[in-house]
Amino acid sequence: MKEKDNINNTCVFCNNIFNQKYNLNKHLRENRCESFKKMSALDIHNMLTKNNVKNNINTYNEKCTINNINNIHIERIEIINPINSLDTKYIEPSKMKELVDKYNYPRLNLLLGNYIKDIICNNTQPQNHSVKYVKKNPPTYNSLVQDSDGNLINVVKNLKDSCELLTDPILEILKTKLKQYIKHYKKDDDYDIDTVNDICKELNKDAVRKALGSVLQNDILNDIKMKFTKYN
């Protein structure tokens, strides 16, 4: 058996290697894996995400959901990053340059809103959809957060409290992205140090909180794809 086949036909729970993919599927489908039976749902989730098992689960496009402790089902839905661990590598410094070029005090809130929208409700980046609405009236949101012990927690709050919860992690992202922009563009002839300094002064919790409020009300709340369901 080729090495590639070994990987594709190996049970990720007990490490048994099967001659054919069919036998592996039967092993899982008929709940024959003794190692799996002894694992909790959290153990299974952590193992799959930690090992990035691409033959059974794709980090961004598939998710292992547990129907009960003895039944595993793999389907094509997204694994979501918690709000304090979002993936923003796809956002180039040029995105912040657009914000800087359009900046004209006091318009930062609107510009920040567009930037934040690209982070938490970008249709091409479903792994960052960690904030979704539960109901529209009154506006209620579910936010996926990670506590100090690494546990993932769904926090349901109203509009005001959701903004408070999200402000600090989003502010940190924006500050990091602004630093990346400065490093990338500071030697350019059109780099405006005064504008950058003004943005640094205005980029605070209050500005981010207001921008978040706009995104939650005008973007997330009006996009049916951003409605929270138990297994999305």
C-alpha atoms as a PDB file:
ATOM      1  CA  MET A   1       0.000   0.000   0.000  1.00  0.00           C
ATOM      2  CA  LYS A   2       1.350   3.410  -0.963  1.00  0.00           C
ATOM      3  CA  GLU A   3       2.133   5.979   1.750  1.00  0.00           C
ATOM      4  CA  LYS A   4      -0.626   8.283   0.475  1.00  0.00           C
ATOM      5  CA  ASP A   5      -3.142   5.427   0.733  1.00  0.00           C
ATOM      6  CA  ASN A   6      -1.954   4.716   4.265  1.00  0.00           C
ATOM      7  CA  ILE A   7      -2.783   8.277   5.257  1.00  0.00           C
ATOM      8  CA  ASN A   8      -6.148   8.327   3.495  1.00  0.00           C
ATOM      9  CA  ASN A   9      -7.171   4.945   4.924  1.00  0.00           C
ATOM     10  CA  THR A  10      -6.044   5.505   8.511  1.00  0.00           C
ATOM     11  CA  CYS A  11      -8.577   5.996  11.278  1.00  0.00           C
ATOM     12  CA  VAL A  12      -7.718   9.275  13.004  1.00  0.00           C
ATOM     13  CA  PHE A  13      -9.049   7.998  16.313  1.00  0.00           C
ATOM     14  CA  CYS A  14      -7.336   4.586  16.712  1.00  0.00           C
ATOM     15  CA  ASN A  15      -4.640   4.856  13.970  1.00  0.00           C
ATOM     16  CA  ASN A  16      -5.635   1.500  12.444  1.00  0.00           C
ATOM     17  CA  ILE A  17      -4.793   1.276   8.741  1.00  0.00           C
ATOM     18  CA  PHE A  18      -7.359  -0.236   6.364  1.00  0.00           C
ATOM     19  CA  ASN A  19      -6.688  -1.764   2.969  1.00  0.00           C
ATOM     20  CA  GLN A  20      -9.573   0.091   1.383  1.00  0.00           C
ATOM     21  CA  LYS A  21     -11.340   3.374   2.015  1.00  0.00           C
ATOM     22  CA  TYR A  22     -14.615   1.479   2.150  1.00  0.00           C
ATOM     23  CA  ASN A  23     -13.437  -0.493   5.181  1.00  0.00           C
ATOM     24  CA  LEU A  24     -12.443   2.700   6.983  1.00  0.00           C
ATOM     25  CA  ASN A  25     -15.828   4.252   6.280  1.00  0.00           C
ATOM     26  CA  LYS A  26     -17.571   1.114   7.549  1.00  0.00           C
ATOM     27  CA  HIS A  27     -15.379   1.153  10.653  1.00  0.00           C
ATOM     28  CA  LEU A  28     -16.592   4.685  11.456  1.00  0.00           C
ATOM     29  CA  ARG A  29     -20.144   4.403  10.162  1.00  0.00           C
ATOM     30  CA  GLU A  30     -20.913   1.288  12.187  1.00  0.00           C
ATOM     31  CA  ASN A  31     -19.255   2.698  15.296  1.00  0.00           C
ATOM     32  CA  ARG A  32     -16.608  -0.017  15.565  1.00  0.00           C
ATOM     33  CA  CYS A  33     -13.819   2.296  16.713  1.00  0.00           C
ATOM     34  CA  GLU A  34     -13.252   1.609  20.402  1.00  0.00           C
ATOM     35  CA  SER A  35     -10.969   4.629  20.775  1.00  0.00           C
ATOM     36  CA  PHE A  36     -13.688   6.935  19.489  1.00  0.00           C
ATOM     37  CA  LYS A  37     -16.252   5.519  21.926  1.00  0.00           C
ATOM     38  CA  LYS A  38     -14.058   6.561  24.853  1.00  0.00           C
ATOM     39  CA  MET A  39     -13.645  10.155  23.653  1.00  0.00           C
ATOM     40  CA  SER A  40     -15.797  13.126  24.555  1.00  0.00           C
ATOM     41  CA  ALA A  41     -17.121  15.490  21.894  1.00  0.00           C
ATOM     42  CA  LEU A  42     -14.578  18.109  23.014  1.00  0.00           C
ATOM     43  CA  ASP A  43     -11.724  15.570  22.773  1.00  0.00           C
ATOM     44  CA  ILE A  44     -12.745  14.730  19.223  1.00  0.00           C
ATOM     45  CA  HIS A  45     -13.024  18.365  18.172  1.00  0.00           C
ATOM     46  CA  ASN A  46      -9.656  19.281  19.695  1.00  0.00           C
ATOM     47  CA  MET A  47      -7.909  16.307  18.142  1.00  0.00           C
ATOM     48  CA  LEU A  48      -9.216  16.973  14.653  1.00  0.00           C
ATOM     49  CA  THR A  49      -8.493  20.708  14.702  1.00  0.00           C
ATOM     50  CA  LYS A  50      -5.071  20.277  16.335  1.00  0.00           C
ATOM     51  CA  ASN A  51      -3.900  17.650  13.860  1.00  0.00           C
ATOM     52  CA  ASN A  52      -5.575  19.340  10.871  1.00  0.00           C
ATOM     53  CA  VAL A  53      -6.705  15.984   9.500  1.00  0.00           C
ATOM     54  CA  LYS A  54      -7.276  16.936   5.878  1.00  0.00           C
ATOM     55  CA  ASN A  55      -8.345  13.490   4.705  1.00  0.00           C
ATOM     56  CA  ASN A  56     -11.434  13.637   6.927  1.00  0.00           C
ATOM     57  CA  ILE A  57     -11.919  17.309   7.661  1.00  0.00           C
ATOM     58  CA  ASN A  58     -10.901  20.533   5.982  1.00  0.00           C
ATOM     59  CA  THR A  59     -10.251  23.294   8.514  1.00  0.00           C
ATOM     60  CA  TYR A  60     -12.353  25.933   6.777  1.00  0.00           C
ATOM     61  CA  ASN A  61     -14.863  23.975   4.709  1.00  0.00           C
ATOM     62  CA  GLU A  62     -15.848  20.972   6.783  1.00  0.00           C
ATOM     63  CA  LYS A  63     -16.689  20.362  10.398  1.00  0.00           C
ATOM     64  CA  CYS A  64     -17.036  17.316  12.556  1.00  0.00           C
ATOM     65  CA  THR A  65     -20.323  17.510  14.441  1.00  0.00           C
ATOM     66  CA  ILE A  66     -21.202  15.137  17.219  1.00  0.00           C
ATOM     67  CA  ASN A  67     -24.800  13.861  17.203  1.00  0.00           C
ATOM     68  CA  ASN A  68     -24.068  11.895  20.371  1.00  0.00           C
ATOM     69  CA  ILE A  69     -21.037  10.301  21.984  1.00  0.00           C
ATOM     70  CA  ASN A  70     -21.332   7.203  19.772  1.00  0.00           C
ATOM     71  CA  ASN A  71     -22.148   8.838  16.475  1.00  0.00           C
ATOM     72  CA  ILE A  72     -19.868  10.999  14.343  1.00  0.00           C
ATOM     73  CA  HIS A  73     -21.056  12.812  11.266  1.00  0.00           C
ATOM     74  CA  ILE A  74     -18.822  14.752   8.884  1.00  0.00           C
ATOM     75  CA  GLU A  75     -20.448  17.369   6.691  1.00  0.00           C
ATOM     76  CA  ARG A  76     -19.403  20.398   4.702  1.00  0.00           C
ATOM     77  CA  ILE A  77     -19.889  23.332   7.038  1.00  0.00           C
ATOM     78  CA  GLU A  78     -17.365  25.710   8.493  1.00  0.00           C
ATOM     79  CA  ILE A  79     -15.278  25.552  11.619  1.00  0.00           C
ATOM     80  CA  ILE A  80     -15.399  29.056  13.035  1.00  0.00           C
ATOM     81  CA  ASN A  81     -12.530  30.901  14.684  1.00  0.00           C
ATOM     82  CA  PRO A  82     -13.317  32.568  18.027  1.00  0.00           C
ATOM     83  CA  ILE A  83     -13.443  36.351  17.962  1.00  0.00           C
ATOM     84  CA  ASN A  84     -10.115  36.623  19.794  1.00  0.00           C
ATOM     85  CA  SER A  85      -8.356  34.365  17.306  1.00  0.00           C
ATOM     86  CA  LEU A  86      -9.481  35.500  13.874  1.00  0.00           C
ATOM     87  CA  ASP A  87      -7.536  34.800  10.689  1.00  0.00           C
ATOM     88  CA  THR A  88      -6.634  38.132   9.061  1.00  0.00           C
ATOM     89  CA  LYS A  89      -3.665  37.050   6.945  1.00  0.00           C
ATOM     90  CA  TYR A  90      -5.717  37.583   3.804  1.00  0.00           C
ATOM     91  CA  ILE A  91      -6.051  41.320   4.522  1.00  0.00           C
ATOM     92  CA  GLU A  92      -3.142  43.041   2.806  1.00  0.00           C
ATOM     93  CA  PRO A  93      -1.638  46.388   3.933  1.00  0.00           C
ATOM     94  CA  SER A  94      -3.253  47.933   0.855  1.00  0.00           C
ATOM     95  CA  LYS A  95      -6.640  47.594   2.573  1.00  0.00           C
ATOM     96  CA  MET A  96      -5.469  49.860   5.393  1.00  0.00           C
ATOM     97  CA  LYS A  97      -3.954  52.209   2.812  1.00  0.00           C
ATOM     98  CA  GLU A  98      -7.427  52.675   1.344  1.00  0.00           C
ATOM     99  CA  LEU A  99      -8.659  53.681   4.793  1.00  0.00           C
ATOM    100  CA  VAL A 100      -5.783  56.108   5.323  1.00  0.00           C
ATOM    101  CA  ASP A 101      -6.202  57.670   1.877  1.00  0.00           C
ATOM    102  CA  LYS A 102      -9.919  58.275   2.498  1.00  0.00           C
ATOM    103  CA  TYR A 103      -9.503  59.536   6.057  1.00  0.00           C
ATOM    104  CA  ASN A 104     -10.841  62.989   6.803  1.00  0.00           C
ATOM    105  CA  TYR A 105     -11.612  63.689  10.457  1.00  0.00           C
ATOM    106  CA  PRO A 106     -14.134  62.813  11.865  1.00  0.00           C
ATOM    107  CA  ARG A 107     -15.045  60.081   9.336  1.00  0.00           C
ATOM    108  CA  LEU A 108     -13.060  57.270  10.920  1.00  0.00           C
ATOM    109  CA  ASN A 109     -16.116  55.403  12.233  1.00  0.00           C
ATOM    110  CA  LEU A 110     -17.511  54.835   8.745  1.00  0.00           C
ATOM    111  CA  LEU A 111     -14.132  53.743   7.396  1.00  0.00           C
ATOM    112  CA  LEU A 112     -13.579  51.430  10.353  1.00  0.00           C
ATOM    113  CA  GLY A 113     -17.007  49.901   9.757  1.00  0.00           C
ATOM    114  CA  ASN A 114     -16.054  48.916   6.203  1.00  0.00           C
ATOM    115  CA  TYR A 115     -12.776  47.458   7.444  1.00  0.00           C
ATOM    116  CA  ILE A 116     -14.437  45.501  10.262  1.00  0.00           C
ATOM    117  CA  LYS A 117     -17.062  44.183   7.865  1.00  0.00           C
ATOM    118  CA  ASP A 118     -14.269  42.696   5.775  1.00  0.00           C
ATOM    119  CA  ILE A 119     -13.025  40.861   8.871  1.00  0.00           C
ATOM    120  CA  ILE A 120     -16.128  39.392  10.524  1.00  0.00           C
ATOM    121  CA  CYS A 121     -18.736  39.128   7.747  1.00  0.00           C
ATOM    122  CA  ASN A 122     -16.728  38.586   4.591  1.00  0.00           C
ATOM    123  CA  ASN A 123     -18.529  36.006   2.447  1.00  0.00           C
ATOM    124  CA  THR A 124     -15.218  34.620   1.198  1.00  0.00           C
ATOM    125  CA  GLN A 125     -13.865  34.103   4.731  1.00  0.00           C
ATOM    126  CA  PRO A 126     -16.527  32.032   6.555  1.00  0.00           C
ATOM    127  CA  GLN A 127     -13.971  30.896   9.139  1.00  0.00           C
ATOM    128  CA  ASN A 128     -14.228  34.394  10.654  1.00  0.00           C
ATOM    129  CA  HIS A 129     -18.020  34.419  11.020  1.00  0.00           C
ATOM    130  CA  SER A 130     -17.722  34.262  14.792  1.00  0.00           C
ATOM    131  CA  VAL A 131     -20.525  36.810  15.330  1.00  0.00           C
ATOM    132  CA  LYS A 132     -24.025  36.006  14.100  1.00  0.00           C
ATOM    133  CA  TYR A 133     -27.460  37.253  14.979  1.00  0.00           C
ATOM    134  CA  VAL A 134     -29.870  35.122  16.982  1.00  0.00           C
ATOM    135  CA  LYS A 135     -32.926  37.316  16.463  1.00  0.00           C
ATOM    136  CA  LYS A 136     -33.662  40.705  14.985  1.00  0.00           C
ATOM    137  CA  ASN A 137     -36.109  42.102  17.514  1.00  0.00           C
ATOM    138  CA  PRO A 138     -34.564  43.001  19.812  1.00  0.00           C
ATOM    139  CA  PRO A 139     -31.179  42.638  18.078  1.00  0.00           C
ATOM    140  CA  THR A 140     -29.455  39.697  19.765  1.00  0.00           C
ATOM    141  CA  TYR A 141     -26.137  38.178  18.772  1.00  0.00           C
ATOM    142  CA  ASN A 142     -24.133  35.038  19.396  1.00  0.00           C
ATOM    143  CA  SER A 143     -20.368  35.544  19.659  1.00  0.00           C
ATOM    144  CA  LEU A 144     -17.881  32.696  19.734  1.00  0.00           C
ATOM    145  CA  VAL A 145     -15.087  33.477  22.212  1.00  0.00           C
ATOM    146  CA  GLN A 146     -12.183  31.545  23.678  1.00  0.00           C
ATOM    147  CA  ASP A 147     -11.536  31.714  27.412  1.00  0.00           C
ATOM    148  CA  SER A 148      -8.145  31.683  29.168  1.00  0.00           C
ATOM    149  CA  ASP A 149      -8.197  27.873  29.312  1.00  0.00           C
ATOM    150  CA  GLY A 150      -8.728  27.564  25.569  1.00  0.00           C
ATOM    151  CA  ASN A 151     -12.397  26.593  25.830  1.00  0.00           C
ATOM    152  CA  LEU A 152     -14.775  27.833  23.132  1.00  0.00           C
ATOM    153  CA  ILE A 153     -17.884  29.544  24.493  1.00  0.00           C
ATOM    154  CA  ASN A 154     -20.981  30.879  22.747  1.00  0.00           C
ATOM    155  CA  VAL A 155     -21.965  34.181  24.346  1.00  0.00           C
ATOM    156  CA  VAL A 156     -25.434  35.559  23.607  1.00  0.00           C
ATOM    157  CA  LYS A 157     -25.869  39.284  24.216  1.00  0.00           C
ATOM    158  CA  ASN A 158     -27.846  42.278  23.010  1.00  0.00           C
ATOM    159  CA  LEU A 159     -26.437  44.881  20.635  1.00  0.00           C
ATOM    160  CA  LYS A 160     -24.800  47.093  23.257  1.00  0.00           C
ATOM    161  CA  ASP A 161     -23.221  44.263  25.227  1.00  0.00           C
ATOM    162  CA  SER A 162     -22.056  42.504  22.054  1.00  0.00           C
ATOM    163  CA  CYS A 163     -20.254  45.681  21.007  1.00  0.00           C
ATOM    164  CA  GLU A 164     -18.582  45.817  24.406  1.00  0.00           C
ATOM    165  CA  LEU A 165     -17.526  42.182  24.135  1.00  0.00           C
ATOM    166  CA  LEU A 166     -16.087  42.563  20.638  1.00  0.00           C
ATOM    167  CA  THR A 167     -14.395  45.936  20.981  1.00  0.00           C
ATOM    168  CA  ASP A 168     -11.080  44.890  22.516  1.00  0.00           C
ATOM    169  CA  PRO A 169     -10.243  41.992  20.129  1.00  0.00           C
ATOM    170  CA  ILE A 170     -11.251  44.010  17.067  1.00  0.00           C
ATOM    171  CA  LEU A 171      -9.276  47.025  18.270  1.00  0.00           C
ATOM    172  CA  GLU A 172      -6.177  44.849  18.632  1.00  0.00           C
ATOM    173  CA  ILE A 173      -6.583  43.595  15.069  1.00  0.00           C
ATOM    174  CA  LEU A 174      -6.954  47.136  13.729  1.00  0.00           C
ATOM    175  CA  LYS A 175      -3.874  48.337  15.609  1.00  0.00           C
ATOM    176  CA  THR A 176      -1.871  45.416  14.267  1.00  0.00           C
ATOM    177  CA  LYS A 177      -3.015  46.076  10.728  1.00  0.00           C
ATOM    178  CA  LEU A 178      -2.191  49.770  11.057  1.00  0.00           C
ATOM    179  CA  LYS A 179       1.347  48.874  12.179  1.00  0.00           C
ATOM    180  CA  GLN A 180       1.674  46.569   9.185  1.00  0.00           C
ATOM    181  CA  TYR A 181       0.570  49.402   6.911  1.00  0.00           C
ATOM    182  CA  ILE A 182       3.111  51.803   8.458  1.00  0.00           C
ATOM    183  CA  LYS A 183       5.940  49.307   8.050  1.00  0.00           C
ATOM    184  CA  HIS A 184       4.974  48.614   4.453  1.00  0.00           C
ATOM    185  CA  TYR A 185       4.358  52.172   3.229  1.00  0.00           C
ATOM    186  CA  LYS A 186       6.391  54.520   5.442  1.00  0.00           C
ATOM    187  CA  LYS A 187       9.111  54.951   2.813  1.00  0.00           C
ATOM    188  CA  ASP A 188       6.669  55.847   0.034  1.00  0.00           C
ATOM    189  CA  ASP A 189       6.600  59.421  -1.235  1.00  0.00           C
ATOM    190  CA  ASP A 190       2.875  59.791  -0.580  1.00  0.00           C
ATOM    191  CA  TYR A 191       3.087  58.524   3.012  1.00  0.00           C
ATOM    192  CA  ASP A 192       1.383  61.151   5.176  1.00  0.00           C
ATOM    193  CA  ILE A 193       2.753  60.942   8.705  1.00  0.00           C
ATOM    194  CA  ASP A 194       0.313  63.569  10.002  1.00  0.00           C
ATOM    195  CA  THR A 195      -2.714  61.614   8.801  1.00  0.00           C
ATOM    196  CA  VAL A 196      -1.351  58.411  10.272  1.00  0.00           C
ATOM    197  CA  ASN A 197      -0.768  60.141  13.618  1.00  0.00           C
ATOM    198  CA  ASP A 198      -4.330  61.477  13.596  1.00  0.00           C
ATOM    199  CA  ILE A 199      -5.703  57.997  12.937  1.00  0.00           C
ATOM    200  CA  CYS A 200      -3.571  56.532  15.730  1.00  0.00           C
ATOM    201  CA  LYS A 201      -5.042  59.083  18.142  1.00  0.00           C
ATOM    202  CA  GLU A 202      -8.620  58.496  16.992  1.00  0.00           C
ATOM    203  CA  LEU A 203      -8.328  54.705  16.873  1.00  0.00           C
ATOM    204  CA  ASN A 204      -9.688  53.881  20.329  1.00  0.00           C
ATOM    205  CA  LYS A 205     -12.366  51.812  22.012  1.00  0.00           C
ATOM    206  CA  ASP A 206     -15.094  54.365  21.488  1.00  0.00           C
ATOM    207  CA  ALA A 207     -14.453  54.591  17.728  1.00  0.00           C
ATOM    208  CA  VAL A 208     -14.361  50.814  17.342  1.00  0.00           C
ATOM    209  CA  ARG A 209     -17.479  50.359  19.477  1.00  0.00           C
ATOM    210  CA  LYS A 210     -19.450  52.744  17.281  1.00  0.00           C
ATOM    211  CA  ALA A 211     -18.171  51.105  14.091  1.00  0.00           C
ATOM    212  CA  LEU A 212     -19.070  47.674  15.436  1.00  0.00           C
ATOM    213  CA  GLY A 213     -22.574  48.848  16.221  1.00  0.00           C
ATOM    214  CA  SER A 214     -23.008  49.874  12.611  1.00  0.00           C
ATOM    215  CA  VAL A 215     -21.730  46.559  11.269  1.00  0.00           C
ATOM    216  CA  LEU A 216     -23.884  44.501  13.632  1.00  0.00           C
ATOM    217  CA  GLN A 217     -27.044  46.442  12.783  1.00  0.00           C
ATOM    218  CA  ASN A 218     -26.589  47.202   9.094  1.00  0.00           C
ATOM    219  CA  ASP A 219     -24.628  44.217   7.817  1.00  0.00           C
ATOM    220  CA  ILE A 220     -24.879  41.151  10.042  1.00  0.00           C
ATOM    221  CA  LEU A 221     -28.502  41.706  11.066  1.00  0.00           C
ATOM    222  CA  ASN A 222     -29.611  42.033   7.428  1.00  0.00           C
ATOM    223  CA  ASP A 223     -27.783  39.018   6.021  1.00  0.00           C
ATOM    224  CA  ILE A 224     -29.631  35.717   6.405  1.00  0.00           C
ATOM    225  CA  LYS A 225     -26.317  33.886   6.008  1.00  0.00           C
ATOM    226  CA  MET A 226     -25.214  35.513   9.242  1.00  0.00           C
ATOM    227  CA  LYS A 227     -28.039  34.032  11.291  1.00  0.00           C
ATOM    228  CA  PHE A 228     -26.839  31.767  14.079  1.00  0.00           C
ATOM    229  CA  THR A 229     -27.881  28.131  14.107  1.00  0.00           C
ATOM    230  CA  LYS A 230     -26.699  25.429  16.478  1.00  0.00           C
ATOM    231  CA  TYR A 231     -24.227  23.739  14.145  1.00  0.00           C
ATOM    232  CA  ASN A 232     -22.967  26.549  11.869  1.00  0.00           C
END
